[in-house]
Protein backbone atom coordinates (compact mmCIF):
# COMPACT_ATOMS: atom_id res chain seq x y z
CA MET A 1 -37.60 67.01 46.28
CA LYS A 2 -40.40 64.76 47.48
CA PHE A 3 -41.69 67.58 49.69
CA PHE A 4 -41.98 69.96 46.72
CA SER A 5 -43.70 67.33 44.56
CA PHE A 6 -46.23 66.88 47.35
CA ALA A 7 -46.61 70.58 48.21
CA VAL A 8 -46.97 72.09 44.73
CA PRO A 9 -50.41 70.54 43.99
CA LEU A 10 -51.65 71.89 47.35
CA LEU A 11 -50.56 75.45 46.62
CA ALA A 12 -53.62 76.51 44.61
CA PRO A 13 -56.21 74.97 47.03
CA VAL A 14 -54.50 76.61 50.03
CA LEU A 15 -54.51 79.99 48.29
CA LEU A 16 -58.18 79.55 47.43
CA VAL A 17 -59.05 78.71 51.05
CA LEU A 18 -57.13 81.74 52.36
CA CYS A 19 -58.82 84.04 49.83
CA TRP A 20 -62.22 82.59 50.75
CA ILE A 21 -61.67 83.17 54.48
CA TRP A 22 -60.44 86.71 53.91
CA MET A 23 -63.19 87.69 51.46
CA ALA A 24 -65.98 86.14 53.58
CA ALA A 25 -64.81 88.15 56.61
CA ARG A 26 -64.43 91.26 54.48
CA ILE A 27 -67.84 91.04 52.80
CA ALA A 28 -69.67 89.84 55.93
CA ASN A 29 -72.70 88.77 53.90
CA GLN A 30 -73.42 85.04 53.84
CA VAL A 31 -75.75 85.39 50.84
CA ILE A 32 -72.88 86.69 48.71
CA LEU A 33 -70.15 84.51 50.20
CA PRO A 34 -70.88 82.34 53.25
CA PRO A 35 -68.17 81.52 55.81
CA MET A 36 -66.24 78.37 55.07
CA ASP A 37 -67.37 76.64 58.26
CA GLN A 38 -71.02 76.68 57.07
CA VAL A 39 -70.09 74.93 53.84
CA LEU A 40 -67.79 72.48 55.63
CA TYR A 41 -70.62 71.59 58.01
CA ILE A 42 -72.86 70.62 55.09
CA LEU A 43 -70.07 68.58 53.49
CA ALA A 44 -69.31 66.90 56.83
CA HIS A 45 -72.99 65.90 57.29
CA PRO A 46 -73.88 64.61 53.79
CA PHE A 47 -76.87 62.57 55.04
CA GLU A 48 -78.57 65.49 56.77
CA ASP A 49 -81.79 66.82 55.21
CA LEU A 50 -81.33 70.22 53.54
CA ILE A 51 -84.32 72.61 53.50
CA SER A 52 -86.77 69.77 52.70
CA MET A 53 -84.88 68.78 49.51
CA GLY A 54 -83.32 65.59 50.80
CA SER A 55 -79.70 65.11 51.78
CA LEU A 56 -76.63 66.04 49.79
CA THR A 57 -75.82 62.35 49.31
CA SER A 58 -79.26 61.35 48.02
CA ASN A 59 -79.36 64.20 45.52
CA LEU A 60 -75.83 63.49 44.38
CA LEU A 61 -76.62 59.80 43.80
CA VAL A 62 -79.68 60.69 41.71
CA SER A 63 -77.56 63.05 39.61
CA LEU A 64 -74.80 60.45 39.28
CA VAL A 65 -77.25 57.89 37.88
CA ARG A 66 -78.56 60.43 35.39
CA VAL A 67 -75.09 61.39 34.24
CA LEU A 68 -73.94 57.79 33.91
CA LEU A 69 -77.00 56.76 31.87
CA GLY A 70 -76.82 59.73 29.51
CA TYR A 71 -73.05 59.47 29.24
CA ALA A 72 -73.11 55.69 28.66
CA SER A 73 -75.62 56.19 25.84
CA ALA A 74 -73.30 58.73 24.22
CA VAL A 75 -70.32 56.39 24.55
CA ALA A 76 -72.25 53.43 23.14
CA ILE A 77 -73.17 55.37 19.99
CA ALA A 78 -70.29 57.81 19.50
CA ILE A 79 -67.39 55.34 19.70
CA PRO A 80 -68.65 52.76 17.14
CA LEU A 81 -69.82 55.55 14.83
CA GLY A 82 -66.50 57.37 15.22
CA VAL A 83 -64.49 54.23 14.47
CA ILE A 84 -66.50 53.56 11.31
CA MET A 85 -66.34 57.19 10.17
CA GLY A 86 -62.62 57.36 10.87
CA TYR A 87 -61.81 54.14 9.01
CA TYR A 88 -64.15 54.31 6.02
CA GLY A 89 -63.77 57.48 3.97
CA MET A 90 -67.15 57.15 2.27
CA VAL A 91 -68.95 56.87 5.61
CA PHE A 92 -67.09 59.95 6.84
CA LYS A 93 -68.15 61.94 3.78
CA ALA A 94 -71.74 60.74 4.13
CA PHE A 95 -72.20 61.64 7.80
CA ASN A 96 -69.66 64.32 8.67
CA GLY A 97 -71.46 67.23 7.01
CA PHE A 98 -74.81 66.18 8.42
CA LEU A 99 -73.51 65.77 11.98
CA ASN A 100 -71.66 69.09 11.78
CA LEU A 101 -75.01 70.84 11.32
CA PHE A 102 -75.92 69.92 14.90
CA ARG A 103 -72.48 70.31 16.50
CA PRO A 104 -72.72 74.10 17.15
CA ILE A 105 -76.17 73.81 18.77
CA PRO A 106 -75.82 74.16 22.57
CA PRO A 107 -77.51 71.40 24.59
CA LEU A 108 -79.76 74.02 26.23
CA ALA A 109 -81.17 74.97 22.82
CA TRP A 110 -82.68 71.49 22.60
CA VAL A 111 -84.82 72.03 25.71
CA PRO A 112 -88.07 73.22 24.01
CA LEU A 113 -87.89 70.42 21.44
CA VAL A 114 -86.98 67.81 24.03
CA MET A 115 -89.91 68.83 26.21
CA ALA A 116 -92.23 68.50 23.20
CA TRP A 117 -90.82 65.06 22.43
CA PHE A 118 -90.58 63.52 25.88
CA GLY A 119 -92.54 65.75 28.24
CA ILE A 120 -92.05 64.42 31.76
CA SER A 121 -91.92 60.75 30.74
CA SER A 122 -89.37 58.64 32.60
CA LEU A 123 -88.12 55.11 33.03
CA ALA A 124 -91.16 54.54 35.25
CA THR A 125 -93.38 55.42 32.28
CA MET A 126 -91.49 53.04 30.00
CA THR A 127 -91.50 50.13 32.47
CA GLY A 128 -95.10 50.67 33.58
CA VAL A 129 -94.19 50.98 37.26
CA GLU A 130 -96.77 53.25 38.93
CA THR A 131 -96.37 52.78 42.68
CA GLY A 132 -93.85 51.85 45.34
CA GLN A 133 -90.24 52.71 45.98
CA TRP A 134 -89.17 51.62 42.51
CA TYR A 135 -91.53 54.19 41.03
CA VAL A 136 -89.77 56.92 43.02
CA TYR A 137 -86.38 55.79 41.73
CA LEU A 138 -87.38 55.27 38.11
CA ASN A 139 -89.46 58.43 37.92
CA ASN A 140 -86.36 60.47 38.70
CA ILE A 141 -84.77 59.32 35.44
CA LYS A 142 -86.48 61.57 32.89
CA PHE A 143 -85.80 60.96 29.21
CA SER A 144 -85.54 64.70 28.60
CA MET A 145 -82.67 64.95 31.09
CA LEU A 146 -80.86 61.95 29.63
CA PHE A 147 -81.13 63.43 26.14
CA ILE A 148 -79.59 66.76 27.18
CA ILE A 149 -76.69 64.94 28.88
CA PHE A 150 -76.34 62.63 25.85
CA VAL A 151 -76.07 65.54 23.42
CA GLY A 152 -73.45 67.26 25.55
CA ALA A 153 -71.22 64.19 25.77
CA PHE A 154 -71.75 62.84 22.25
CA TYR A 155 -69.73 65.21 20.07
CA PRO A 156 -66.46 65.34 22.07
CA ILE A 157 -66.35 61.53 22.12
CA LEU A 158 -67.23 61.26 18.43
CA THR A 159 -64.66 63.86 17.35
CA ALA A 160 -61.87 62.32 19.43
CA THR A 161 -62.66 58.83 18.15
CA ILE A 162 -62.58 59.94 14.51
CA HIS A 163 -59.30 61.78 15.08
CA GLY A 164 -57.79 58.79 16.88
CA VAL A 165 -58.71 56.33 14.14
CA ARG A 166 -57.58 58.61 11.31
CA SER A 167 -54.26 59.19 13.09
CA VAL A 168 -53.33 55.50 13.19
CA ASN A 169 -50.19 54.84 11.15
CA ALA A 170 -51.29 53.50 7.77
CA THR A 171 -48.15 51.35 7.62
CA LEU A 172 -49.44 49.26 10.53
CA LEU A 173 -52.71 48.62 8.75
CA ASP A 174 -51.03 47.79 5.42
CA SER A 175 -48.58 45.44 7.14
CA ALA A 176 -51.44 43.63 8.86
CA ARG A 177 -53.27 43.16 5.56
CA VAL A 178 -50.11 41.84 3.87
CA LEU A 179 -49.71 39.33 6.69
CA GLY A 180 -53.24 38.10 6.10
CA ALA A 181 -55.18 39.82 8.89
CA GLY A 182 -58.91 40.13 8.35
CA GLN A 183 -60.99 43.24 8.95
CA SER A 184 -62.13 42.10 12.37
CA GLN A 185 -58.54 41.42 13.44
CA ILE A 186 -57.40 44.82 12.17
CA PHE A 187 -60.16 46.53 14.15
CA ARG A 188 -59.61 44.54 17.35
CA LYS A 189 -55.84 44.27 17.45
CA ILE A 190 -54.54 47.38 15.68
CA LEU A 191 -57.06 50.11 14.95
CA ILE A 192 -58.94 50.37 18.25
CA PRO A 193 -55.92 49.83 20.57
CA ALA A 194 -53.92 52.47 18.67
CA ALA A 195 -56.82 54.93 18.77
CA MET A 196 -57.73 54.31 22.42
CA PRO A 197 -55.62 57.13 23.95
CA ALA A 198 -57.48 59.66 21.80
CA ILE A 199 -60.79 57.97 22.54
CA ILE A 200 -60.15 58.10 26.29
CA THR A 201 -59.30 61.80 26.01
CA GLY A 202 -62.62 62.36 24.26
CA MET A 203 -64.41 60.35 26.94
CA ARG A 204 -62.83 62.52 29.65
CA ILE A 205 -63.93 65.71 27.90
CA GLY A 206 -67.39 64.27 27.27
CA LEU A 207 -67.75 63.32 30.93
CA GLY A 208 -66.92 66.86 32.01
CA ILE A 209 -69.49 68.31 29.61
CA ALA A 210 -72.05 65.74 30.79
CA TRP A 211 -71.71 67.10 34.32
CA MET A 212 -72.06 70.66 32.97
CA CYS A 213 -75.26 69.71 31.18
CA LEU A 214 -76.59 68.03 34.31
CA VAL A 215 -77.48 71.28 36.06
CA SER A 216 -79.32 72.47 32.96
CA ALA A 217 -81.10 69.13 32.62
CA GLU A 218 -82.23 69.19 36.25
CA MET A 219 -83.81 72.60 35.75
CA LEU A 220 -86.33 71.07 33.33
CA PRO A 221 -89.98 70.66 34.40
CA GLY A 222 -90.64 67.53 36.42
CA SER A 223 -87.31 67.56 38.23
CA LEU A 224 -87.72 67.32 42.00
CA SER A 225 -84.31 65.96 42.95
CA GLY A 226 -80.68 65.94 41.95
CA ILE A 227 -77.70 68.09 42.80
CA GLY A 228 -78.51 70.59 40.04
CA TYR A 229 -82.08 70.95 41.26
CA MET A 230 -80.81 71.37 44.81
CA ILE A 231 -78.40 74.12 43.74
CA THR A 232 -81.08 75.96 41.78
CA HIS A 233 -83.68 75.68 44.54
CA ALA A 234 -81.17 76.70 47.23
CA PHE A 235 -80.31 79.80 45.19
CA THR A 236 -83.96 80.89 45.17
CA LEU A 237 -83.92 80.58 48.98
CA ALA A 238 -80.64 82.54 49.23
CA SER A 239 -78.90 79.50 50.77
CA THR A 240 -75.55 80.14 49.16
CA ASP A 241 -73.79 77.69 51.49
CA ILE A 242 -75.84 74.84 50.00
CA VAL A 243 -75.10 76.12 46.49
CA ILE A 244 -71.35 76.07 47.12
CA ALA A 245 -71.52 72.67 48.85
CA GLY A 246 -73.34 71.27 45.83
CA MET A 247 -70.76 72.75 43.45
CA ILE A 248 -67.90 71.27 45.48
CA SER A 249 -69.64 67.87 45.47
CA ILE A 250 -69.97 67.91 41.68
CA GLY A 251 -66.32 68.91 41.35
CA CYS A 252 -65.12 66.14 43.67
CA VAL A 253 -67.16 63.39 42.00
CA GLY A 254 -66.16 64.59 38.53
CA ALA A 255 -62.49 64.72 39.55
CA LEU A 256 -62.63 61.17 40.95
CA MET A 257 -64.20 59.86 37.74
CA ASP A 258 -61.60 61.71 35.65
CA MET A 259 -58.89 60.20 37.85
CA VAL A 260 -60.10 56.74 36.86
CA PHE A 261 -59.68 57.62 33.17
CA ARG A 262 -56.20 59.04 33.77
CA ARG A 263 -55.17 55.96 35.71
CA VAL A 264 -56.37 53.65 32.93
CA GLU A 265 -54.60 55.78 30.35
CA LYS A 266 -51.36 55.71 32.34
CA GLN A 267 -51.44 51.96 33.00
CA LYS A 268 -52.67 50.72 29.63
CA PHE A 269 -51.31 53.22 27.10
CA SER A 270 -48.04 54.51 28.50
CA TRP A 271 -46.34 52.53 25.71
CA GLN A 272 -47.67 55.00 23.16
CA ARG A 273 -46.08 57.99 24.88
CA GLN A 274 -42.78 56.11 24.96
CA THR A 275 -43.12 55.28 21.25
CA ASN A 276 -43.92 58.89 20.33
CA SER A 277 -40.98 60.18 22.37
């Protein structure tokens, strides 16, 4: 039984590897589908310079910082706003219709407006740093990129938070009020803990979309680094092995970050699944 529980998750990756090996040998064109050993070599040497674009590791770290900053901004705004909208009906009526006007707009559609607003300004522009190594680091964090990532992550987190708060059993809230709990106690001890599983689900979805928006954000003018830029530039040079290595890197980092959310959800909120069952 333990063998099957260990083997089943490996079934799909093994099938993918076998199909890749067979198709690469069949096609025999490394621009269309490079052999697996070329991609594995890049992944096994993450600090090696790739066609004058820096290493896989350096580009991935730049992209990770961009994603975390844009994503953290979305979390910092969407969760408090979602809690308030979910709890107060008047606030929900006041903002829901307005926010829904922007929900269907794809993050890429914001690009022309974002470029007009921010141009190529960055954290280096805001802090006034103009030279040195810190300038190189801060100049990589463009406000236009952060905004695109922010927009992508914002709505899934907001929607999940509103749903989580509105789904809290009203009996719990009424009981707390009868027992003399204040608003702050209701928020801290009942409302937010009960809504957290839904909020975490929204954060997981928002994180995935943030990574999707990253490649689009790194195609904006002024981008000279990042995993998305590396993938785009490698494609123009027909270096498909670098493209696939970059895609695998994004998938691995995103999966590890999602694993953290799932672990927190399992450890902290397993009681809710038991209650619902």
